[in-house]
Amino acid sequence: MYCQRITQDGRRINNTGDQSTEYFCAHATKLRAYNIWLSDITDRSLELLSGMQSIESLLFYDCPKITDSGVRSLAAAPRLKSIDLQENPNVTPAALSDFDRSVQVNFHPPTPAGGD
């Protein structure tokens, strides 16, 4: 397991995979925010996060292995207030339909290669 730049409250995490997410979900029971970018996490990580009672804010940036299915599972997170999905090539706007209106959802699809 490799984690870079983790603060005491667990808010700055990158270069992690599903194994690291599993560890955080089991041991950081008061984790409120999970921000991850350029990672190989899969829908398994999103499923694990959806069961966390404390999670309020999520950010996923350029995580190519997450899909609509995993994003939909996050709608079950009981305290989720915001989710930010940026540049994730396998996530579409259709994945956002299951979130409660009280959840702030930010979605930014990948910029096409060579696009503006």
Protein backbone atom coordinates (compact mmCIF):
# COMPACT_ATOMS: atom_id res chain seq x y z
CA MET A 1 0.00 0.00 0.00
CA TYR A 2 1.35 3.41 -0.95
CA CYS A 3 -0.19 6.66 0.15
CA GLN A 4 1.29 10.05 -0.49
CA ARG A 5 0.56 13.27 1.40
CA ILE A 6 -1.93 12.11 3.98
CA THR A 7 -2.91 14.66 6.58
CA GLN A 8 -3.94 13.71 10.07
CA ASP A 9 -7.61 14.04 9.17
CA GLY A 10 -7.13 11.95 6.01
CA ARG A 11 -8.17 14.71 3.63
CA ARG A 12 -5.22 14.64 1.20
CA ILE A 13 -4.84 11.23 -0.32
CA ASN A 14 -3.51 10.26 -3.72
CA ASN A 15 -1.75 7.36 -5.39
CA THR A 16 -3.96 4.81 -3.69
CA GLY A 17 -5.86 1.79 -4.89
CA ASP A 18 -8.70 -0.37 -3.63
CA GLN A 19 -6.51 -1.89 -0.93
CA SER A 20 -5.83 1.55 0.54
CA THR A 21 -9.50 2.49 0.38
CA GLU A 22 -10.37 -0.72 2.21
CA TYR A 23 -7.86 0.17 4.93
CA PHE A 24 -9.26 3.69 5.34
CA CYS A 25 -12.84 2.46 5.47
CA ALA A 26 -11.94 -0.03 8.19
CA HIS A 27 -9.70 2.22 10.29
CA ALA A 28 -10.62 5.84 9.63
CA THR A 29 -14.16 5.58 10.90
CA LYS A 30 -14.48 9.35 11.31
CA LEU A 31 -13.25 10.16 7.79
CA ARG A 32 -15.46 12.92 6.39
CA ALA A 33 -13.74 13.74 3.09
CA TYR A 34 -12.04 11.50 0.54
CA ASN A 35 -10.30 13.22 -2.36
CA ILE A 36 -8.47 11.08 -4.86
CA TRP A 37 -6.95 11.71 -8.25
CA LEU A 38 -4.97 9.90 -10.91
CA SER A 39 -5.72 6.62 -9.21
CA ASP A 40 -6.37 3.03 -10.20
CA ILE A 41 -9.24 2.62 -7.76
CA THR A 42 -12.19 0.67 -9.11
CA ASP A 43 -15.89 0.53 -8.34
CA ARG A 44 -14.92 -1.62 -5.33
CA SER A 45 -13.55 1.49 -3.61
CA LEU A 46 -16.76 3.40 -4.29
CA GLU A 47 -18.83 0.55 -2.89
CA LEU A 48 -16.70 0.57 0.27
CA LEU A 49 -17.04 4.33 0.64
CA SER A 50 -20.81 4.13 0.23
CA GLY A 51 -21.00 2.18 3.49
CA MET A 52 -19.06 4.69 5.55
CA GLN A 53 -21.30 6.37 8.09
CA SER A 54 -19.10 9.48 8.38
CA ILE A 55 -18.30 10.35 4.75
CA GLU A 56 -19.66 13.75 3.67
CA SER A 57 -17.54 14.85 0.71
CA LEU A 58 -16.00 12.93 -2.19
CA LEU A 59 -13.80 14.01 -5.08
CA PHE A 60 -12.66 11.71 -7.88
CA TYR A 61 -10.38 13.18 -10.53
CA ASP A 62 -9.16 11.14 -13.50
CA CYS A 63 -9.83 7.71 -12.07
CA PRO A 64 -10.23 5.66 -15.27
CA LYS A 65 -11.39 2.46 -13.60
CA ILE A 66 -14.49 3.84 -11.90
CA THR A 67 -17.79 3.52 -13.77
CA ASP A 68 -21.42 4.56 -13.56
CA SER A 69 -22.17 1.48 -11.47
CA GLY A 70 -19.71 2.47 -8.75
CA VAL A 71 -20.85 6.09 -8.74
CA ARG A 72 -24.47 4.98 -8.34
CA SER A 73 -23.51 2.95 -5.26
CA LEU A 74 -22.37 6.18 -3.57
CA ALA A 75 -25.96 7.45 -3.50
CA ALA A 76 -26.41 5.14 -0.49
CA ALA A 77 -23.82 6.98 1.62
CA PRO A 78 -25.97 8.21 4.52
CA ARG A 79 -24.24 11.56 5.22
CA LEU A 80 -22.99 12.46 1.76
CA LYS A 81 -23.29 16.19 1.10
CA SER A 82 -21.17 16.62 -2.02
CA ILE A 83 -19.55 14.60 -4.77
CA ASP A 84 -17.21 15.99 -7.39
CA LEU A 85 -16.47 13.89 -10.48
CA GLN A 86 -13.89 15.33 -12.86
CA GLU A 87 -12.23 13.85 -15.93
CA ASN A 88 -13.37 10.26 -15.25
CA PRO A 89 -13.62 8.66 -18.71
CA ASN A 90 -16.02 5.85 -17.75
CA VAL A 91 -18.54 7.95 -15.82
CA THR A 92 -21.52 9.50 -17.59
CA PRO A 93 -24.20 11.95 -16.44
CA ALA A 94 -26.62 9.00 -16.19
CA ALA A 95 -24.79 7.87 -13.03
CA LEU A 96 -25.91 10.99 -11.17
CA SER A 97 -29.65 10.35 -11.27
CA ASP A 98 -29.73 8.30 -8.04
CA PHE A 99 -28.40 11.06 -5.78
CA ASP A 100 -30.77 12.88 -3.47
CA ARG A 101 -31.40 16.52 -4.33
CA SER A 102 -29.69 17.53 -1.09
CA VAL A 103 -26.35 16.20 -2.40
CA GLN A 104 -24.32 18.76 -4.32
CA VAL A 105 -23.12 17.01 -7.48
CA ASN A 106 -20.39 18.46 -9.69
CA PHE A 107 -19.69 16.60 -12.91
CA HIS A 108 -17.02 17.52 -15.42
CA PRO A 109 -16.53 14.99 -18.24
CA PRO A 110 -13.09 14.40 -19.71
CA THR A 111 -11.82 16.93 -22.16
CA PRO A 112 -11.55 15.27 -25.59
CA ALA A 113 -7.98 14.66 -26.69
CA GLY A 114 -6.86 17.62 -28.75
CA GLY A 115 -10.10 19.41 -27.83
CA ASP A 116 -10.61 22.88 -26.50
